[in-house]
Amino acid sequence: INAEYMGEAFHVFKVFVANPEKAAAIRQILFMNKEKLVAFLQGFQTEREEQGDEQFVEEKKVVIAEILNVQYP
């Protein structure tokens, strides 16, 4: 998959994760897949981090923190 598409998919994904009014089904999916999602995101587009894309790094940290804080609905 093209890195540009992956970046766009990340932007869509973070909208679901960052939404404070997440539907119960979204919270459940995030909760049940928490470990896999965090592991994936930690290795996701690391080249952007190496290139110094500070905005991406910060957004990724926020998304990971949100996922780790998701409680079972």
Protein backbone atom coordinates (compact mmCIF):
# COMPACT_ATOMS: atom_id res chain seq x y z
CA ILE A 1 0.00 0.00 0.00
CA ASN A 2 1.23 3.45 -0.89
CA ALA A 3 2.60 5.42 2.09
CA GLU A 4 0.41 8.38 1.11
CA TYR A 5 -2.72 6.21 1.36
CA MET A 6 -1.57 4.86 4.69
CA GLY A 7 -1.14 8.41 5.95
CA GLU A 8 -4.65 9.31 4.83
CA ALA A 9 -6.05 6.17 6.46
CA PHE A 10 -4.32 7.20 9.69
CA HIS A 11 -6.08 10.57 9.56
CA VAL A 12 -9.46 8.85 9.23
CA PHE A 13 -8.61 6.37 12.00
CA LYS A 14 -7.56 9.12 14.43
CA VAL A 15 -10.96 10.80 13.98
CA PHE A 16 -12.63 7.66 15.34
CA VAL A 17 -10.12 7.32 18.17
CA ALA A 18 -10.09 10.98 19.21
CA ASN A 19 -13.88 11.40 19.15
CA PRO A 20 -14.95 11.97 22.78
CA GLU A 21 -18.44 10.73 21.87
CA LYS A 22 -17.35 7.33 20.55
CA ALA A 23 -20.16 4.87 20.00
CA ALA A 24 -20.13 1.85 22.30
CA ALA A 25 -19.30 -0.40 19.34
CA ILE A 26 -16.22 1.71 18.50
CA ARG A 27 -15.06 1.66 22.15
CA GLN A 28 -15.55 -2.09 22.26
CA ILE A 29 -13.52 -2.66 19.08
CA LEU A 30 -10.72 -0.38 20.30
CA PHE A 31 -10.72 -2.03 23.73
CA MET A 32 -10.69 -5.58 22.39
CA ASN A 33 -7.87 -4.80 19.94
CA LYS A 34 -5.92 -2.40 22.16
CA GLU A 35 -2.66 -4.38 22.27
CA LYS A 36 -2.61 -5.10 18.53
CA LEU A 37 -3.44 -1.50 17.61
CA VAL A 38 -0.74 -0.05 19.86
CA ALA A 39 1.86 -2.51 18.58
CA PHE A 40 0.93 -1.67 14.99
CA LEU A 41 1.00 2.07 15.58
CA GLN A 42 4.37 1.97 17.32
CA GLY A 43 5.90 0.64 14.10
CA PHE A 44 3.69 2.66 11.75
CA GLN A 45 5.47 5.07 9.38
CA THR A 46 8.59 5.31 11.53
CA GLU A 47 10.35 6.92 8.58
CA ARG A 48 8.23 10.03 9.16
CA GLU A 49 9.49 10.14 12.72
CA GLU A 50 13.07 9.77 11.50
CA GLN A 51 12.48 12.65 9.07
CA GLY A 52 11.43 14.87 11.98
CA ASP A 53 7.71 15.13 11.21
CA GLU A 54 6.85 16.50 14.66
CA GLN A 55 3.14 16.90 13.95
CA PHE A 56 2.81 13.26 12.93
CA VAL A 57 4.81 12.11 15.96
CA GLU A 58 2.55 14.09 18.29
CA GLU A 59 -0.64 12.87 16.63
CA LYS A 60 0.57 9.29 16.84
CA LYS A 61 1.34 9.70 20.55
CA VAL A 62 -2.13 11.12 21.17
CA VAL A 63 -3.83 8.29 19.27
CA ILE A 64 -1.84 5.65 21.18
CA ALA A 65 -2.66 7.33 24.51
CA GLU A 66 -6.36 7.47 23.61
CA ILE A 67 -6.38 3.78 22.70
CA LEU A 68 -4.64 2.85 25.95
CA ASN A 69 -7.26 4.83 27.90
CA VAL A 70 -10.30 3.25 26.25
CA GLN A 71 -12.50 1.55 28.83
CA TYR A 72 -14.78 -1.37 28.11
CA PRO A 73 -18.23 0.04 27.27
